[in-house]
PDB file of N, CA and C in Angstrom:
ATOM      1  N   MET A   1     -48.053 -29.011  12.102  1.00  0.00           N
ATOM      2  CA  MET A   1     -46.746 -29.337  12.647  1.00  0.00           C
ATOM      3  C   MET A   1     -45.808 -29.821  11.551  1.00  0.00           C
ATOM      4  N   ASP A   2     -46.336 -30.540  10.565  1.00  0.00           N
ATOM      5  CA  ASP A   2     -45.494 -31.035   9.475  1.00  0.00           C
ATOM      6  C   ASP A   2     -44.916 -29.902   8.653  1.00  0.00           C
ATOM      7  N   ARG A   3     -45.715 -28.835   8.473  1.00  0.00           N
ATOM      8  CA  ARG A   3     -45.213 -27.680   7.721  1.00  0.00           C
ATOM      9  C   ARG A   3     -44.048 -27.025   8.456  1.00  0.00           C
ATOM     10  N   MET A   4     -44.160 -26.975   9.767  1.00  0.00           N
ATOM     11  CA  MET A   4     -43.096 -26.362  10.578  1.00  0.00           C
ATOM     12  C   MET A   4     -41.802 -27.161  10.456  1.00  0.00           C
ATOM     13  N   LYS A   5     -41.895 -28.478  10.484  1.00  0.00           N
ATOM     14  CA  LYS A   5     -40.708 -29.325  10.346  1.00  0.00           C
ATOM     15  C   LYS A   5     -40.098 -29.160   8.963  1.00  0.00           C
ATOM     16  N   LEU A   6     -40.945 -29.099   7.940  1.00  0.00           N
ATOM     17  CA  LEU A   6     -40.459 -28.929   6.566  1.00  0.00           C
ATOM     18  C   LEU A   6     -39.760 -27.584   6.417  1.00  0.00           C
ATOM     19  N   LEU A   7     -40.357 -26.540   6.973  1.00  0.00           N
ATOM     20  CA  LEU A   7     -39.758 -25.213   6.900  1.00  0.00           C
ATOM     21  C   LEU A   7     -38.417 -25.172   7.634  1.00  0.00           C
ATOM     22  N   LEU A   8     -38.360 -25.786   8.781  1.00  0.00           N
ATOM     23  CA  LEU A   8     -37.115 -25.851   9.549  1.00  0.00           C
ATOM     24  C   LEU A   8     -36.045 -26.628   8.789  1.00  0.00           C
ATOM     25  N   LEU A   9     -36.427 -27.744   8.189  1.00  0.00           N
ATOM     26  CA  LEU A   9     -35.489 -28.560   7.422  1.00  0.00           C
ATOM     27  C   LEU A   9     -34.966 -27.797   6.202  1.00  0.00           C
ATOM     28  N   LEU A  10     -35.873 -27.108   5.504  1.00  0.00           N
ATOM     29  CA  LEU A  10     -35.450 -26.340   4.326  1.00  0.00           C
ATOM     30  C   LEU A  10     -34.520 -25.189   4.710  1.00  0.00           C
ATOM     31  N   SER A  11     -34.832 -24.483   5.785  1.00  0.00           N
ATOM     32  CA  SER A  11     -33.966 -23.377   6.198  1.00  0.00           C
ATOM     33  C   SER A  11     -32.597 -23.890   6.663  1.00  0.00           C
ATOM     34  N   PHE A  12     -32.575 -25.045   7.333  1.00  0.00           N
ATOM     35  CA  PHE A  12     -31.302 -25.642   7.736  1.00  0.00           C
ATOM     36  C   PHE A  12     -30.479 -26.038   6.509  1.00  0.00           C
ATOM     37  N   GLY A  13     -31.117 -26.645   5.528  1.00  0.00           N
ATOM     38  CA  GLY A  13     -30.421 -27.033   4.294  1.00  0.00           C
ATOM     39  C   GLY A  13     -29.898 -25.835   3.533  1.00  0.00           C
ATOM     40  N   PHE A  14     -30.683 -24.754   3.506  1.00  0.00           N
ATOM     41  CA  PHE A  14     -30.243 -23.535   2.826  1.00  0.00           C
ATOM     42  C   PHE A  14     -29.020 -22.941   3.509  1.00  0.00           C
ATOM     43  N   CYS A  15     -29.046 -22.875   4.837  1.00  0.00           N
ATOM     44  CA  CYS A  15     -27.911 -22.328   5.591  1.00  0.00           C
ATOM     45  C   CYS A  15     -26.661 -23.183   5.403  1.00  0.00           C
ATOM     46  N   LEU A  16     -26.819 -24.492   5.418  1.00  0.00           N
ATOM     47  CA  LEU A  16     -25.687 -25.392   5.238  1.00  0.00           C
ATOM     48  C   LEU A  16     -25.096 -25.244   3.840  1.00  0.00           C
ATOM     49  N   GLY A  17     -25.937 -25.169   2.837  1.00  0.00           N
ATOM     50  CA  GLY A  17     -25.470 -25.016   1.461  1.00  0.00           C
ATOM     51  C   GLY A  17     -24.772 -23.699   1.218  1.00  0.00           C
ATOM     52  N   SER A  18     -25.288 -22.622   1.805  1.00  0.00           N
ATOM     53  CA  SER A  18     -24.661 -21.315   1.589  1.00  0.00           C
ATOM     54  C   SER A  18     -23.322 -21.217   2.304  1.00  0.00           C
ATOM     55  N   SER A  19     -23.166 -21.861   3.454  1.00  0.00           N
ATOM     56  CA  SER A  19     -21.879 -21.803   4.146  1.00  0.00           C
ATOM     57  C   SER A  19     -20.827 -22.616   3.408  1.00  0.00           C
ATOM     58  N   LEU A  20     -21.205 -23.706   2.781  1.00  0.00           N
ATOM     59  CA  LEU A  20     -20.245 -24.490   2.006  1.00  0.00           C
ATOM     60  C   LEU A  20     -19.773 -23.713   0.789  1.00  0.00           C
ATOM     61  N   SER A  21     -20.673 -23.002   0.162  1.00  0.00           N
ATOM     62  CA  SER A  21     -20.314 -22.192  -0.997  1.00  0.00           C
ATOM     63  C   SER A  21     -19.391 -21.050  -0.595  1.00  0.00           C
ATOM     64  N   ALA A  22     -19.642 -20.429   0.543  1.00  0.00           N
ATOM     65  CA  ALA A  22     -18.803 -19.322   1.008  1.00  0.00           C
ATOM     66  C   ALA A  22     -17.386 -19.795   1.293  1.00  0.00           C
ATOM     67  N   GLN A  23     -17.234 -20.983   1.832  1.00  0.00           N
ATOM     68  CA  GLN A  23     -15.894 -21.506   2.096  1.00  0.00           C
ATOM     69  C   GLN A  23     -15.152 -21.729   0.791  1.00  0.00           C
ATOM     70  N   THR A  24     -15.830 -22.186  -0.236  1.00  0.00           N
ATOM     71  CA  THR A  24     -15.191 -22.395  -1.534  1.00  0.00           C
ATOM     72  C   THR A  24     -14.731 -21.070  -2.128  1.00  0.00           C
ATOM     73  N   ILE A  25     -15.567 -20.061  -2.030  1.00  0.00           N
ATOM     74  CA  ILE A  25     -15.208 -18.743  -2.568  1.00  0.00           C
ATOM     75  C   ILE A  25     -14.029 -18.167  -1.800  1.00  0.00           C
ATOM     76  N   ASP A  26     -14.027 -18.290  -0.472  1.00  0.00           N
ATOM     77  CA  ASP A  26     -12.910 -17.792   0.334  1.00  0.00           C
ATOM     78  C   ASP A  26     -11.602 -18.463  -0.039  1.00  0.00           C
ATOM     79  N   SER A  27     -11.616 -19.770  -0.211  1.00  0.00           N
ATOM     80  CA  SER A  27     -10.387 -20.476  -0.560  1.00  0.00           C
ATOM     81  C   SER A  27      -9.925 -20.105  -1.970  1.00  0.00           C
ATOM     82  N   MET A  28     -10.865 -19.879  -2.880  1.00  0.00           N
ATOM     83  CA  MET A  28     -10.496 -19.464  -4.240  1.00  0.00           C
ATOM     84  C   MET A  28      -9.871 -18.069  -4.223  1.00  0.00           C
ATOM     85  N   MET A  29     -10.400 -17.180  -3.389  1.00  0.00           N
ATOM     86  CA  MET A  29      -9.842 -15.830  -3.285  1.00  0.00           C
ATOM     87  C   MET A  29      -8.430 -15.859  -2.701  1.00  0.00           C
ATOM     88  N   MET A  30      -8.170 -16.749  -1.746  1.00  0.00           N
ATOM     89  CA  MET A  30      -6.825 -16.869  -1.173  1.00  0.00           C
ATOM     90  C   MET A  30      -5.839 -17.373  -2.226  1.00  0.00           C
ATOM     91  N   VAL A  31      -6.242 -18.335  -3.039  1.00  0.00           N
ATOM     92  CA  VAL A  31      -5.370 -18.839  -4.103  1.00  0.00           C
ATOM     93  C   VAL A  31      -5.087 -17.725  -5.101  1.00  0.00           C
ATOM     94  N   TYR A  32      -6.113 -16.971  -5.468  1.00  0.00           N
ATOM     95  CA  TYR A  32      -5.952 -15.858  -6.404  1.00  0.00           C
ATOM     96  C   TYR A  32      -4.997 -14.803  -5.838  1.00  0.00           C
ATOM     97  N   ALA A  33      -5.151 -14.474  -4.555  1.00  0.00           N
ATOM     98  CA  ALA A  33      -4.291 -13.463  -3.931  1.00  0.00           C
ATOM     99  C   ALA A  33      -2.844 -13.932  -3.858  1.00  0.00           C
ATOM    100  N   ASP A  34      -2.616 -15.227  -3.651  1.00  0.00           N
ATOM    101  CA  ASP A  34      -1.246 -15.745  -3.598  1.00  0.00           C
ATOM    102  C   ASP A  34      -0.596 -15.770  -4.973  1.00  0.00           C
ATOM    103  N   GLN A  35      -1.349 -16.142  -5.994  1.00  0.00           N
ATOM    104  CA  GLN A  35      -0.779 -16.274  -7.337  1.00  0.00           C
ATOM    105  C   GLN A  35      -0.653 -14.937  -8.051  1.00  0.00           C
ATOM    106  N   ILE A  36      -1.603 -14.043  -7.840  1.00  0.00           N
ATOM    107  CA  ILE A  36      -1.594 -12.743  -8.513  1.00  0.00           C
ATOM    108  C   ILE A  36      -1.743 -11.659  -7.451  1.00  0.00           C
ATOM    109  N   PRO A  37      -0.633 -11.184  -6.857  1.00  0.00           N
ATOM    110  CA  PRO A  37      -0.743 -10.168  -5.808  1.00  0.00           C
ATOM    111  C   PRO A  37      -1.270  -8.848  -6.371  1.00  0.00           C
ATOM    112  N   GLN A  38      -1.984  -8.120  -5.548  1.00  0.00           N
ATOM    113  CA  GLN A  38      -2.545  -6.848  -5.947  1.00  0.00           C
ATOM    114  C   GLN A  38      -1.430  -5.835  -6.146  1.00  0.00           C
ATOM    115  N   GLN A  39      -1.473  -5.110  -7.248  1.00  0.00           N
ATOM    116  CA  GLN A  39      -0.468  -4.089  -7.512  1.00  0.00           C
ATOM    117  C   GLN A  39      -1.010  -2.732  -7.084  1.00  0.00           C
ATOM    118  N   LYS A  40      -0.153  -1.948  -6.422  1.00  0.00           N
ATOM    119  CA  LYS A  40      -0.527  -0.621  -5.959  1.00  0.00           C
ATOM    120  C   LYS A  40       0.527   0.372  -6.411  1.00  0.00           C
ATOM    121  N   ILE A  41       0.106   1.600  -6.635  1.00  0.00           N
ATOM    122  CA  ILE A  41       1.015   2.667  -7.040  1.00  0.00           C
ATOM    123  C   ILE A  41       1.071   3.690  -5.920  1.00  0.00           C
ATOM    124  N   HIS A  42       2.284   4.047  -5.498  1.00  0.00           N
ATOM    125  CA  HIS A  42       2.488   5.093  -4.502  1.00  0.00           C
ATOM    126  C   HIS A  42       3.200   6.244  -5.202  1.00  0.00           C
ATOM    127  N   VAL A  43       2.641   7.443  -5.102  1.00  0.00           N
ATOM    128  CA  VAL A  43       3.227   8.621  -5.740  1.00  0.00           C
ATOM    129  C   VAL A  43       3.731   9.556  -4.647  1.00  0.00           C
ATOM    130  N   HIS A  44       4.997   9.955  -4.767  1.00  0.00           N
ATOM    131  CA  HIS A  44       5.662  10.825  -3.789  1.00  0.00           C
ATOM    132  C   HIS A  44       5.927  12.164  -4.474  1.00  0.00           C
ATOM    133  N   PHE A  45       5.281  13.224  -3.988  1.00  0.00           N
ATOM    134  CA  PHE A  45       5.457  14.566  -4.554  1.00  0.00           C
ATOM    135  C   PHE A  45       6.508  15.344  -3.762  1.00  0.00           C
ATOM    136  N   ASP A  46       7.102  16.383  -4.389  1.00  0.00           N
ATOM    137  CA  ASP A  46       8.112  17.182  -3.696  1.00  0.00           C
ATOM    138  C   ASP A  46       7.494  18.265  -2.813  1.00  0.00           C
ATOM    139  N   LYS A  47       6.240  18.650  -3.065  1.00  0.00           N
ATOM    140  CA  LYS A  47       5.559  19.660  -2.250  1.00  0.00           C
ATOM    141  C   LYS A  47       4.114  19.225  -2.014  1.00  0.00           C
ATOM    142  N   ASN A  48       3.499  19.832  -0.995  1.00  0.00           N
ATOM    143  CA  ASN A  48       2.098  19.521  -0.708  1.00  0.00           C
ATOM    144  C   ASN A  48       1.134  20.333  -1.558  1.00  0.00           C
ATOM    145  N   ILE A  49       1.509  21.581  -1.876  1.00  0.00           N
ATOM    146  CA  ILE A  49       0.622  22.484  -2.609  1.00  0.00           C
ATOM    147  C   ILE A  49       1.388  23.093  -3.782  1.00  0.00           C
ATOM    148  N   TYR A  50       0.721  23.204  -4.937  1.00  0.00           N
ATOM    149  CA  TYR A  50       1.312  23.811  -6.132  1.00  0.00           C
ATOM    150  C   TYR A  50       0.453  24.972  -6.589  1.00  0.00           C
ATOM    151  N   LYS A  51       1.112  25.980  -7.169  1.00  0.00           N
ATOM    152  CA  LYS A  51       0.397  27.102  -7.776  1.00  0.00           C
ATOM    153  C   LYS A  51       0.255  26.828  -9.263  1.00  0.00           C
ATOM    154  N   ALA A  52      -0.649  27.533  -9.900  1.00  0.00           N
ATOM    155  CA  ALA A  52      -0.858  27.377 -11.341  1.00  0.00           C
ATOM    156  C   ALA A  52       0.423  27.723 -12.093  1.00  0.00           C
ATOM    157  N   GLY A  53       0.836  26.887 -13.007  1.00  0.00           N
ATOM    158  CA  GLY A  53       2.030  27.116 -13.815  1.00  0.00           C
ATOM    159  C   GLY A  53       3.295  26.524 -13.241  1.00  0.00           C
ATOM    160  N   GLU A  54       3.285  26.046 -12.002  1.00  0.00           N
ATOM    161  CA  GLU A  54       4.475  25.437 -11.410  1.00  0.00           C
ATOM    162  C   GLU A  54       4.690  24.037 -11.971  1.00  0.00           C
ATOM    163  N   SER A  55       5.958  23.641 -12.014  1.00  0.00           N
ATOM    164  CA  SER A  55       6.281  22.271 -12.414  1.00  0.00           C
ATOM    165  C   SER A  55       6.065  21.336 -11.229  1.00  0.00           C
ATOM    166  N   ILE A  56       5.561  20.163 -11.523  1.00  0.00           N
ATOM    167  CA  ILE A  56       5.334  19.158 -10.484  1.00  0.00           C
ATOM    168  C   ILE A  56       6.412  18.089 -10.623  1.00  0.00           C
ATOM    169  N   TYR A  57       7.133  17.876  -9.542  1.00  0.00           N
ATOM    170  CA  TYR A  57       8.142  16.826  -9.512  1.00  0.00           C
ATOM    171  C   TYR A  57       7.640  15.712  -8.599  1.00  0.00           C
ATOM    172  N   PHE A  58       7.752  14.492  -9.089  1.00  0.00           N
ATOM    173  CA  PHE A  58       7.259  13.370  -8.292  1.00  0.00           C
ATOM    174  C   PHE A  58       8.025  12.100  -8.617  1.00  0.00           C
ATOM    175  N   LYS A  59       7.916  11.132  -7.733  1.00  0.00           N
ATOM    176  CA  LYS A  59       8.414   9.779  -7.946  1.00  0.00           C
ATOM    177  C   LYS A  59       7.230   8.847  -7.763  1.00  0.00           C
ATOM    178  N   ALA A  60       7.141   7.830  -8.593  1.00  0.00           N
ATOM    179  CA  ALA A  60       6.057   6.858  -8.482  1.00  0.00           C
ATOM    180  C   ALA A  60       6.664   5.474  -8.282  1.00  0.00           C
ATOM    181  N   TYR A  61       6.096   4.725  -7.357  1.00  0.00           N
ATOM    182  CA  TYR A  61       6.562   3.386  -7.048  1.00  0.00           C
ATOM    183  C   TYR A  61       5.424   2.398  -7.280  1.00  0.00           C
ATOM    184  N   VAL A  62       5.732   1.270  -7.907  1.00  0.00           N
ATOM    185  CA  VAL A  62       4.745   0.216  -8.128  1.00  0.00           C
ATOM    186  C   VAL A  62       5.081  -0.943  -7.198  1.00  0.00           C
ATOM    187  N   PHE A  63       4.104  -1.362  -6.411  1.00  0.00           N
ATOM    188  CA  PHE A  63       4.281  -2.469  -5.474  1.00  0.00           C
ATOM    189  C   PHE A  63       3.373  -3.623  -5.870  1.00  0.00           C
ATOM    190  N   ALA A  64       3.895  -4.830  -5.741  1.00  0.00           N
ATOM    191  CA  ALA A  64       3.103  -6.053  -5.890  1.00  0.00           C
ATOM    192  C   ALA A  64       3.032  -6.672  -4.507  1.00  0.00           C
ATOM    193  N   GLY A  65       1.888  -6.556  -3.866  1.00  0.00           N
ATOM    194  CA  GLY A  65       1.786  -6.968  -2.471  1.00  0.00           C
ATOM    195  C   GLY A  65       2.508  -5.944  -1.619  1.00  0.00           C
ATOM    196  N   TYR A  66       3.509  -6.371  -0.855  1.00  0.00           N
ATOM    197  CA  TYR A  66       4.283  -5.457  -0.016  1.00  0.00           C
ATOM    198  C   TYR A  66       5.706  -5.274  -0.525  1.00  0.00           C
ATOM    199  N   GLN A  67       6.032  -5.834  -1.678  1.00  0.00           N
ATOM    200  CA  GLN A  67       7.363  -5.727  -2.261  1.00  0.00           C
ATOM    201  C   GLN A  67       7.294  -4.903  -3.549  1.00  0.00           C
ATOM    202  N   PRO A  68       8.396  -4.240  -3.939  1.00  0.00           N
ATOM    203  CA  PRO A  68       8.403  -3.555  -5.234  1.00  0.00           C
ATOM    204  C   PRO A  68       8.129  -4.549  -6.366  1.00  0.00           C
ATOM    205  N   ALA A  69       7.338  -4.126  -7.328  1.00  0.00           N
ATOM    206  CA  ALA A  69       6.973  -5.014  -8.435  1.00  0.00           C
ATOM    207  C   ALA A  69       8.203  -5.335  -9.276  1.00  0.00           C
ATOM    208  N   SER A  70       8.339  -6.577  -9.664  1.00  0.00           N
ATOM    209  CA  SER A  70       9.497  -7.002 -10.434  1.00  0.00           C
ATOM    210  C   SER A  70       9.441  -6.499 -11.876  1.00  0.00           C
ATOM    211  N   ASN A  71       8.252  -6.226 -12.383  1.00  0.00           N
ATOM    212  CA  ASN A  71       8.139  -5.795 -13.780  1.00  0.00           C
ATOM    213  C   ASN A  71       8.079  -4.273 -13.929  1.00  0.00           C
ATOM    214  N   SER A  72       8.239  -3.508 -12.841  1.00  0.00           N
ATOM    215  CA  SER A  72       8.235  -2.051 -12.970  1.00  0.00           C
ATOM    216  C   SER A  72       9.613  -1.573 -13.412  1.00  0.00           C
ATOM    217  N   LYS A  73       9.651  -0.587 -14.227  1.00  0.00           N
ATOM    218  CA  LYS A  73      10.887  -0.054 -14.797  1.00  0.00           C
ATOM    219  C   LYS A  73      10.984   1.433 -14.499  1.00  0.00           C
ATOM    220  N   THR A  74      12.177   1.980 -14.603  1.00  0.00           N
ATOM    221  CA  THR A  74      12.363   3.418 -14.475  1.00  0.00           C
ATOM    222  C   THR A  74      11.843   4.087 -15.738  1.00  0.00           C
ATOM    223  N   CYS A  75      11.060   5.124 -15.552  1.00  0.00           N
ATOM    224  CA  CYS A  75      10.435   5.795 -16.706  1.00  0.00           C
ATOM    225  C   CYS A  75      10.597   7.299 -16.535  1.00  0.00           C
ATOM    226  N   LEU A  76      11.005   7.998 -17.582  1.00  0.00           N
ATOM    227  CA  LEU A  76      11.140   9.432 -17.552  1.00  0.00           C
ATOM    228  C   LEU A  76      10.050  10.033 -18.428  1.00  0.00           C
ATOM    229  N   LEU A  77       9.319  11.006 -17.867  1.00  0.00           N
ATOM    230  CA  LEU A  77       8.273  11.702 -18.622  1.00  0.00           C
ATOM    231  C   LEU A  77       8.789  13.059 -19.048  1.00  0.00           C
ATOM    232  N   ASN A  78       8.517  13.450 -20.260  1.00  0.00           N
ATOM    233  CA  ASN A  78       8.925  14.759 -20.759  1.00  0.00           C
ATOM    234  C   ASN A  78       7.713  15.640 -20.936  1.00  0.00           C
TER     235      ASN A  78
END
């Protein structure tokens, strides 16, 4: 019976410790997401399908979170 109590106590302590650690990681991820928003690139093409040798015309947009990125600039490719 003593082994059963010890095993139960150890498993309870393990579960409690792992949940406390998970809360710390979650809060750290929220701080990271607020301070450094994820940047995404959206590319808009003029056609759905291209043949070999055709020119591809496109516009690319950089977003930080849900807003246009403040550090993105207009760029022309030759």
